[in-house]
Amino acid sequence: QVQLVQSGGGLVQPGGSLRLSCAASGFRLDYYAIGWFRQAPGKEREGISCISRIDGATYYAASVKGRFTISRDNAKNTGYLQMNSLNAEDTAVYYCAAGEALYCDSDYSPSTADFQTWGQGTQVTISS
């Protein structure tokens, strides 16, 4: 079964950190770019980061640049999103996704239409 299984969400205080994981099964994640999206209540799903499959080039949305770090471990068939300096505006459901034939760099803005396989989503809540 082809799927992405997410873990690592939860409740954290402002200024804290979380690391989200996205484990692939049923396919090789190293054949795909990995994207991270988030959706806050009443808002559209927003692409916040992406990492290419070939050279590890990355994209970050302005809202997370300098605070979030995307990475991948192809040996573990897993992608990660390290989130630091979290604030209330980061509260959302976070989704990982795998996309074919994508190159993620600073000129690319992730679109949900570009990704074929999605994780189940994980809630991240920033609150004191």
Foldseek 3Di string as FASTA:
>chain_A
DWAWAKDWADEDAAQAKIKMKIATPPDQLLQWKKWKWWDDPPGDIFTAKIFGSPPRAMEGDPVQPPFKDKDDDRVRRMIMIIGGRDDQVPWTWMKMFTFHPDHHHHVDGDDPVRTDHMYPTDTHGYHD
